[in-house]
């Protein structure tokens, strides 16, 4: 299968976005 998107986060960490299949279960974060 092709590589599929899961989650993304803005450079500052203030915006995130999730695939529908993981929304509510996965959390993306970052520690710069």
ModelCIF file with pLDDT and N, C-alpha, C, O atoms, coordinates in Angstrom:
data_MODEL
#
_entry.id   MODEL 
#
_entity.id                         1 
_entity.type                       polymer 
_entity.pdbx_number_of_molecules   1 
#
_entity_poly.entity_id                      1 
_entity_poly.type                           'polypeptide(L)' 
_entity_poly.nstd_linkage                   no 
_entity_poly.nstd_monomer                   no 
_entity_poly.pdbx_seq_one_letter_code       
;(UNK)(UNK)(UNK)(UNK)(UNK)(UNK)(UNK)(UNK)(UNK)(UNK)(UNK)(UNK)(UNK)(UNK)(UNK)(UNK)
(UNK)(UNK)(UNK)(UNK)(UNK)(UNK)(UNK)(UNK)(UNK)(UNK)(UNK)(UNK)(UNK)(UNK)(UNK)(UNK)
;
_entity_poly.pdbx_seq_one_letter_code_can   XXXXXXXXXXXXXXXXXXXXXXXXXXXXXXXX 
_entity_poly.pdbx_strand_id                 A 
#
loop_
_entity_poly_seq.entity_id 
_entity_poly_seq.num 
_entity_poly_seq.mon_id 
_entity_poly_seq.hetero 
1 1  UNK n 
1 2  UNK n 
1 3  UNK n 
1 4  UNK n 
1 5  UNK n 
1 6  UNK n 
1 7  UNK n 
1 8  UNK n 
1 9  UNK n 
1 10 UNK n 
1 11 UNK n 
1 12 UNK n 
1 13 UNK n 
1 14 UNK n 
1 15 UNK n 
1 16 UNK n 
1 17 UNK n 
1 18 UNK n 
1 19 UNK n 
1 20 UNK n 
1 21 UNK n 
1 22 UNK n 
1 23 UNK n 
1 24 UNK n 
1 25 UNK n 
1 26 UNK n 
1 27 UNK n 
1 28 UNK n 
1 29 UNK n 
1 30 UNK n 
1 31 UNK n 
1 32 UNK n 
#
_struct_asym.id          A 
_struct_asym.entity_id   1 
#
loop_
_ma_qa_metric.id 
_ma_qa_metric.mode 
_ma_qa_metric.name 
_ma_qa_metric.software_group_id 
_ma_qa_metric.type 
1 global pLDDT . pLDDT 
2 local  pLDDT . pLDDT 
#
_ma_qa_metric_global.metric_id      1 
_ma_qa_metric_global.metric_value   96.72 
_ma_qa_metric_global.model_id       1 
_ma_qa_metric_global.ordinal_id     1 
#
loop_
_ma_qa_metric_local.label_asym_id 
_ma_qa_metric_local.label_comp_id 
_ma_qa_metric_local.label_seq_id 
_ma_qa_metric_local.metric_id 
_ma_qa_metric_local.metric_value 
_ma_qa_metric_local.model_id 
_ma_qa_metric_local.ordinal_id 
A UNK 1  2 97.00 1 1  
A UNK 2  2 97.00 1 2  
A UNK 3  2 98.00 1 3  
A UNK 4  2 98.00 1 4  
A UNK 5  2 98.00 1 5  
A UNK 6  2 98.00 1 6  
A UNK 7  2 98.00 1 7  
A UNK 8  2 98.00 1 8  
A UNK 9  2 97.00 1 9  
A UNK 10 2 94.00 1 10 
A UNK 11 2 92.00 1 11 
A UNK 12 2 91.00 1 12 
A UNK 13 2 91.00 1 13 
A UNK 14 2 93.00 1 14 
A UNK 15 2 95.00 1 15 
A UNK 16 2 97.00 1 16 
A UNK 17 2 98.00 1 17 
A UNK 18 2 98.00 1 18 
A UNK 19 2 98.00 1 19 
A UNK 20 2 98.00 1 20 
A UNK 21 2 98.00 1 21 
A UNK 22 2 98.00 1 22 
A UNK 23 2 98.00 1 23 
A UNK 24 2 98.00 1 24 
A UNK 25 2 98.00 1 25 
A UNK 26 2 98.00 1 26 
A UNK 27 2 98.00 1 27 
A UNK 28 2 98.00 1 28 
A UNK 29 2 98.00 1 29 
A UNK 30 2 97.00 1 30 
A UNK 31 2 97.00 1 31 
A UNK 32 2 95.00 1 32 
#
loop_
_atom_site.group_PDB 
_atom_site.id 
_atom_site.type_symbol 
_atom_site.label_atom_id 
_atom_site.label_alt_id 
_atom_site.label_comp_id 
_atom_site.label_asym_id 
_atom_site.label_entity_id 
_atom_site.label_seq_id 
_atom_site.pdbx_PDB_ins_code 
_atom_site.Cartn_x 
_atom_site.Cartn_y 
_atom_site.Cartn_z 
_atom_site.occupancy 
_atom_site.B_iso_or_equiv 
_atom_site.pdbx_formal_charge 
_atom_site.auth_seq_id 
_atom_site.auth_comp_id 
_atom_site.auth_asym_id 
_atom_site.auth_atom_id 
_atom_site.pdbx_PDB_model_num 
ATOM 1   N N  . UNK A 1 1  ? 0.832   -1.207 0.000  1.00 97.00 ? 1  UNK A N  1 
ATOM 2   C CA . UNK A 1 1  ? 0.000   0.000  0.000  1.00 97.00 ? 1  UNK A CA 1 
ATOM 3   C C  . UNK A 1 1  ? 0.862   1.251  0.000  1.00 97.00 ? 1  UNK A C  1 
ATOM 4   O O  . UNK A 1 1  ? 2.030   1.224  0.386  1.00 97.00 ? 1  UNK A O  1 
ATOM 5   N N  . UNK A 1 2  ? 0.263   2.336  -0.438 1.00 97.00 ? 2  UNK A N  1 
ATOM 6   C CA . UNK A 1 2  ? 0.975   3.607  -0.423 1.00 97.00 ? 2  UNK A CA 1 
ATOM 7   C C  . UNK A 1 2  ? 1.087   4.138  1.009  1.00 97.00 ? 2  UNK A C  1 
ATOM 8   O O  . UNK A 1 2  ? 0.285   3.815  1.886  1.00 97.00 ? 2  UNK A O  1 
ATOM 9   N N  . UNK A 1 3  ? 2.105   4.956  1.201  1.00 98.00 ? 3  UNK A N  1 
ATOM 10  C CA . UNK A 1 3  ? 2.268   5.589  2.495  1.00 98.00 ? 3  UNK A CA 1 
ATOM 11  C C  . UNK A 1 3  ? 1.120   6.561  2.726  1.00 98.00 ? 3  UNK A C  1 
ATOM 12  O O  . UNK A 1 3  ? 0.800   7.375  1.859  1.00 98.00 ? 3  UNK A O  1 
ATOM 13  N N  . UNK A 1 4  ? 0.501   6.471  3.904  1.00 98.00 ? 4  UNK A N  1 
ATOM 14  C CA . UNK A 1 4  ? -0.659  7.307  4.164  1.00 98.00 ? 4  UNK A CA 1 
ATOM 15  C C  . UNK A 1 4  ? -0.420  8.264  5.320  1.00 98.00 ? 4  UNK A C  1 
ATOM 16  O O  . UNK A 1 4  ? 0.324   7.977  6.257  1.00 98.00 ? 4  UNK A O  1 
ATOM 17  N N  . UNK A 1 5  ? -1.072  9.401  5.218  1.00 98.00 ? 5  UNK A N  1 
ATOM 18  C CA . UNK A 1 5  ? -0.962  10.443 6.216  1.00 98.00 ? 5  UNK A CA 1 
ATOM 19  C C  . UNK A 1 5  ? -1.635  10.012 7.516  1.00 98.00 ? 5  UNK A C  1 
ATOM 20  O O  . UNK A 1 5  ? -2.688  9.373  7.511  1.00 98.00 ? 5  UNK A O  1 
ATOM 21  N N  . UNK A 1 6  ? -0.995  10.379 8.639  1.00 98.00 ? 6  UNK A N  1 
ATOM 22  C CA . UNK A 1 6  ? -1.562  10.086 9.949  1.00 98.00 ? 6  UNK A CA 1 
ATOM 23  C C  . UNK A 1 6  ? -1.841  11.385 10.712 1.00 98.00 ? 6  UNK A C  1 
ATOM 24  O O  . UNK A 1 6  ? -2.963  11.624 11.158 1.00 98.00 ? 6  UNK A O  1 
ATOM 25  N N  . UNK A 1 7  ? -0.807  12.219 10.856 1.00 98.00 ? 7  UNK A N  1 
ATOM 26  C CA . UNK A 1 7  ? -0.967  13.443 11.640 1.00 98.00 ? 7  UNK A CA 1 
ATOM 27  C C  . UNK A 1 7  ? 0.120   14.435 11.243 1.00 98.00 ? 7  UNK A C  1 
ATOM 28  O O  . UNK A 1 7  ? 1.184   14.057 10.753 1.00 98.00 ? 7  UNK A O  1 
ATOM 29  N N  . UNK A 1 8  ? -0.175  15.718 11.468 1.00 98.00 ? 8  UNK A N  1 
ATOM 30  C CA . UNK A 1 8  ? 0.787   16.770 11.160 1.00 98.00 ? 8  UNK A CA 1 
ATOM 31  C C  . UNK A 1 8  ? 0.712   17.863 12.206 1.00 98.00 ? 8  UNK A C  1 
ATOM 32  O O  . UNK A 1 8  ? -0.309  18.042 12.870 1.00 98.00 ? 8  UNK A O  1 
ATOM 33  N N  . UNK A 1 9  ? 1.820   18.596 12.343 1.00 97.00 ? 9  UNK A N  1 
ATOM 34  C CA . UNK A 1 9  ? 1.884   19.649 13.336 1.00 97.00 ? 9  UNK A CA 1 
ATOM 35  C C  . UNK A 1 9  ? 2.674   20.825 12.782 1.00 97.00 ? 9  UNK A C  1 
ATOM 36  O O  . UNK A 1 9  ? 3.678   20.653 12.090 1.00 97.00 ? 9  UNK A O  1 
ATOM 37  N N  . UNK A 1 10 ? 2.205   22.008 13.099 1.00 94.00 ? 10 UNK A N  1 
ATOM 38  C CA . UNK A 1 10 ? 2.855   23.246 12.687 1.00 94.00 ? 10 UNK A CA 1 
ATOM 39  C C  . UNK A 1 10 ? 4.213   23.379 13.379 1.00 94.00 ? 10 UNK A C  1 
ATOM 40  O O  . UNK A 1 10 ? 4.457   22.763 14.417 1.00 94.00 ? 10 UNK A O  1 
ATOM 41  N N  . UNK A 1 11 ? 5.081   24.184 12.795 1.00 92.00 ? 11 UNK A N  1 
ATOM 42  C CA . UNK A 1 11 ? 6.422   24.363 13.350 1.00 92.00 ? 11 UNK A CA 1 
ATOM 43  C C  . UNK A 1 11 ? 6.385   24.792 14.813 1.00 92.00 ? 11 UNK A C  1 
ATOM 44  O O  . UNK A 1 11 ? 7.258   24.408 15.591 1.00 92.00 ? 11 UNK A O  1 
ATOM 45  N N  . UNK A 1 12 ? 5.390   25.580 15.194 1.00 91.00 ? 12 UNK A N  1 
ATOM 46  C CA . UNK A 1 12 ? 5.303   26.087 16.565 1.00 91.00 ? 12 UNK A CA 1 
ATOM 47  C C  . UNK A 1 12 ? 4.561   25.136 17.491 1.00 91.00 ? 12 UNK A C  1 
ATOM 48  O O  . UNK A 1 12 ? 4.601   25.289 18.712 1.00 91.00 ? 12 UNK A O  1 
ATOM 49  N N  . UNK A 1 13 ? 3.887   24.161 16.909 1.00 91.00 ? 13 UNK A N  1 
ATOM 50  C CA . UNK A 1 13 ? 3.104   23.242 17.721 1.00 91.00 ? 13 UNK A CA 1 
ATOM 51  C C  . UNK A 1 13 ? 1.697   23.720 18.016 1.00 91.00 ? 13 UNK A C  1 
ATOM 52  O O  . UNK A 1 13 ? 0.949   23.031 18.711 1.00 91.00 ? 13 UNK A O  1 
ATOM 53  N N  . UNK A 1 14 ? 1.320   24.869 17.511 1.00 93.00 ? 14 UNK A N  1 
ATOM 54  C CA . UNK A 1 14 ? 0.026   25.451 17.850 1.00 93.00 ? 14 UNK A CA 1 
ATOM 55  C C  . UNK A 1 14 ? -1.110  24.988 16.942 1.00 93.00 ? 14 UNK A C  1 
ATOM 56  O O  . UNK A 1 14 ? -2.275  25.294 17.199 1.00 93.00 ? 14 UNK A O  1 
ATOM 57  N N  . UNK A 1 15 ? -0.781  24.261 15.897 1.00 95.00 ? 15 UNK A N  1 
ATOM 58  C CA . UNK A 1 15 ? -1.828  23.705 15.022 1.00 95.00 ? 15 UNK A CA 1 
ATOM 59  C C  . UNK A 1 15 ? -1.506  22.250 14.721 1.00 95.00 ? 15 UNK A C  1 
ATOM 60  O O  . UNK A 1 15 ? -0.353  21.892 14.481 1.00 95.00 ? 15 UNK A O  1 
ATOM 61  N N  . UNK A 1 16 ? -2.530  21.426 14.738 1.00 97.00 ? 16 UNK A N  1 
ATOM 62  C CA . UNK A 1 16 ? -2.382  20.013 14.409 1.00 97.00 ? 16 UNK A CA 1 
ATOM 63  C C  . UNK A 1 16 ? -3.511  19.570 13.488 1.00 97.00 ? 16 UNK A C  1 
ATOM 64  O O  . UNK A 1 16 ? -4.546  20.229 13.384 1.00 97.00 ? 16 UNK A O  1 
ATOM 65  N N  . UNK A 1 17 ? -3.292  18.453 12.831 1.00 98.00 ? 17 UNK A N  1 
ATOM 66  C CA . UNK A 1 17 ? -4.308  17.919 11.921 1.00 98.00 ? 17 UNK A CA 1 
ATOM 67  C C  . UNK A 1 17 ? -4.155  16.413 11.878 1.00 98.00 ? 17 UNK A C  1 
ATOM 68  O O  . UNK A 1 17 ? -3.040  15.895 11.931 1.00 98.00 ? 17 UNK A O  1 
ATOM 69  N N  . UNK A 1 18 ? -5.298  15.695 11.780 1.00 98.00 ? 18 UNK A N  1 
ATOM 70  C CA . UNK A 1 18 ? -5.273  14.240 11.855 1.00 98.00 ? 18 UNK A CA 1 
ATOM 71  C C  . UNK A 1 18 ? -6.078  13.608 10.730 1.00 98.00 ? 18 UNK A C  1 
ATOM 72  O O  . UNK A 1 18 ? -7.042  14.182 10.224 1.00 98.00 ? 18 UNK A O  1 
ATOM 73  N N  . UNK A 1 19 ? -5.654  12.416 10.357 1.00 98.00 ? 19 UNK A N  1 
ATOM 74  C CA . UNK A 1 19 ? -6.478  11.599 9.482  1.00 98.00 ? 19 UNK A CA 1 
ATOM 75  C C  . UNK A 1 19 ? -7.719  11.182 10.248 1.00 98.00 ? 19 UNK A C  1 
ATOM 76  O O  . UNK A 1 19 ? -7.675  11.011 11.466 1.00 98.00 ? 19 UNK A O  1 
ATOM 77  N N  . UNK A 1 20 ? -8.812  11.021 9.546  1.00 98.00 ? 20 UNK A N  1 
ATOM 78  C CA . UNK A 1 20 ? -10.061 10.646 10.198 1.00 98.00 ? 20 UNK A CA 1 
ATOM 79  C C  . UNK A 1 20 ? -9.942  9.325  10.956 1.00 98.00 ? 20 UNK A C  1 
ATOM 80  O O  . UNK A 1 20 ? -10.570 9.132  11.997 1.00 98.00 ? 20 UNK A O  1 
ATOM 81  N N  . UNK A 1 21 ? -9.138  8.434  10.425 1.00 98.00 ? 21 UNK A N  1 
ATOM 82  C CA . UNK A 1 21 ? -9.025  7.095  11.010 1.00 98.00 ? 21 UNK A CA 1 
ATOM 83  C C  . UNK A 1 21 ? -8.358  7.092  12.382 1.00 98.00 ? 21 UNK A C  1 
ATOM 84  O O  . UNK A 1 21 ? -8.484  6.119  13.126 1.00 98.00 ? 21 UNK A O  1 
ATOM 85  N N  . UNK A 1 22 ? -7.647  8.168  12.727 1.00 98.00 ? 22 UNK A N  1 
ATOM 86  C CA . UNK A 1 22 ? -6.937  8.206  14.010 1.00 98.00 ? 22 UNK A CA 1 
ATOM 87  C C  . UNK A 1 22 ? -7.420  9.335  14.915 1.00 98.00 ? 22 UNK A C  1 
ATOM 88  O O  . UNK A 1 22 ? -6.994  9.445  16.064 1.00 98.00 ? 22 UNK A O  1 
ATOM 89  N N  . UNK A 1 23 ? -8.297  10.159 14.396 1.00 98.00 ? 23 UNK A N  1 
ATOM 90  C CA . UNK A 1 23 ? -8.756  11.318 15.165 1.00 98.00 ? 23 UNK A CA 1 
ATOM 91  C C  . UNK A 1 23 ? -9.413  10.857 16.459 1.00 98.00 ? 23 UNK A C  1 
ATOM 92  O O  . UNK A 1 23 ? -10.250 9.953  16.456 1.00 98.00 ? 23 UNK A O  1 
ATOM 93  N N  . UNK A 1 24 ? -9.025  11.488 17.567 1.00 98.00 ? 24 UNK A N  1 
ATOM 94  C CA . UNK A 1 24 ? -9.566  11.123 18.871 1.00 98.00 ? 24 UNK A CA 1 
ATOM 95  C C  . UNK A 1 24 ? -8.781  10.041 19.576 1.00 98.00 ? 24 UNK A C  1 
ATOM 96  O O  . UNK A 1 24 ? -8.971  9.810  20.770 1.00 98.00 ? 24 UNK A O  1 
ATOM 97  N N  . UNK A 1 25 ? -7.895  9.369  18.846 1.00 98.00 ? 25 UNK A N  1 
ATOM 98  C CA . UNK A 1 25 ? -7.096  8.296  19.454 1.00 98.00 ? 25 UNK A CA 1 
ATOM 99  C C  . UNK A 1 25 ? -5.603  8.645  19.480 1.00 98.00 ? 25 UNK A C  1 
ATOM 100 O O  . UNK A 1 25 ? -4.893  8.273  20.414 1.00 98.00 ? 25 UNK A O  1 
ATOM 101 N N  . UNK A 1 26 ? -5.138  9.350  18.464 1.00 98.00 ? 26 UNK A N  1 
ATOM 102 C CA . UNK A 1 26 ? -3.723  9.710  18.349 1.00 98.00 ? 26 UNK A CA 1 
ATOM 103 C C  . UNK A 1 26 ? -3.551  11.198 18.636 1.00 98.00 ? 26 UNK A C  1 
ATOM 104 O O  . UNK A 1 26 ? -4.437  12.007 18.361 1.00 98.00 ? 26 UNK A O  1 
ATOM 105 N N  . UNK A 1 27 ? -2.389  11.541 19.196 1.00 98.00 ? 27 UNK A N  1 
ATOM 106 C CA . UNK A 1 27 ? -2.051  12.936 19.450 1.00 98.00 ? 27 UNK A CA 1 
ATOM 107 C C  . UNK A 1 27 ? -0.625  13.206 18.998 1.00 98.00 ? 27 UNK A C  1 
ATOM 108 O O  . UNK A 1 27 ? 0.311   12.533 19.430 1.00 98.00 ? 27 UNK A O  1 
ATOM 109 N N  . UNK A 1 28 ? -0.468  14.182 18.136 1.00 98.00 ? 28 UNK A N  1 
ATOM 110 C CA . UNK A 1 28 ? 0.854   14.599 17.705 1.00 98.00 ? 28 UNK A CA 1 
ATOM 111 C C  . UNK A 1 28 ? 1.287   15.799 18.540 1.00 98.00 ? 28 UNK A C  1 
ATOM 112 O O  . UNK A 1 28 ? 0.482   16.677 18.849 1.00 98.00 ? 28 UNK A O  1 
ATOM 113 N N  . UNK A 1 29 ? 2.553   15.826 18.897 1.00 98.00 ? 29 UNK A N  1 
ATOM 114 C CA . UNK A 1 29 ? 3.090   16.946 19.664 1.00 98.00 ? 29 UNK A CA 1 
ATOM 115 C C  . UNK A 1 29 ? 4.564   17.106 19.330 1.00 98.00 ? 29 UNK A C  1 
ATOM 116 O O  . UNK A 1 29 ? 5.142   16.294 18.607 1.00 98.00 ? 29 UNK A O  1 
ATOM 117 N N  . UNK A 1 30 ? 5.161   18.152 19.861 1.00 97.00 ? 30 UNK A N  1 
ATOM 118 C CA . UNK A 1 30 ? 6.576   18.379 19.626 1.00 97.00 ? 30 UNK A CA 1 
ATOM 119 C C  . UNK A 1 30 ? 7.183   19.147 20.781 1.00 97.00 ? 30 UNK A C  1 
ATOM 120 O O  . UNK A 1 30 ? 6.508   19.919 21.462 1.00 97.00 ? 30 UNK A O  1 
ATOM 121 N N  . UNK A 1 31 ? 8.463   18.921 20.988 1.00 97.00 ? 31 UNK A N  1 
ATOM 122 C CA . UNK A 1 31 ? 9.225   19.667 21.979 1.00 97.00 ? 31 UNK A CA 1 
ATOM 123 C C  . UNK A 1 31 ? 10.416  20.261 21.234 1.00 97.00 ? 31 UNK A C  1 
ATOM 124 O O  . UNK A 1 31 ? 11.410  19.576 20.993 1.00 97.00 ? 31 UNK A O  1 
ATOM 125 N N  . UNK A 1 32 ? 10.312  21.520 20.877 1.00 95.00 ? 32 UNK A N  1 
ATOM 126 C CA . UNK A 1 32 ? 11.363  22.138 20.068 1.00 95.00 ? 32 UNK A CA 1 
ATOM 127 C C  . UNK A 1 32 ? 12.675  22.272 20.830 1.00 95.00 ? 32 UNK A C  1 
ATOM 128 O O  . UNK A 1 32 ? 13.658  22.774 20.284 1.00 95.00 ? 32 UNK A O  1 
#
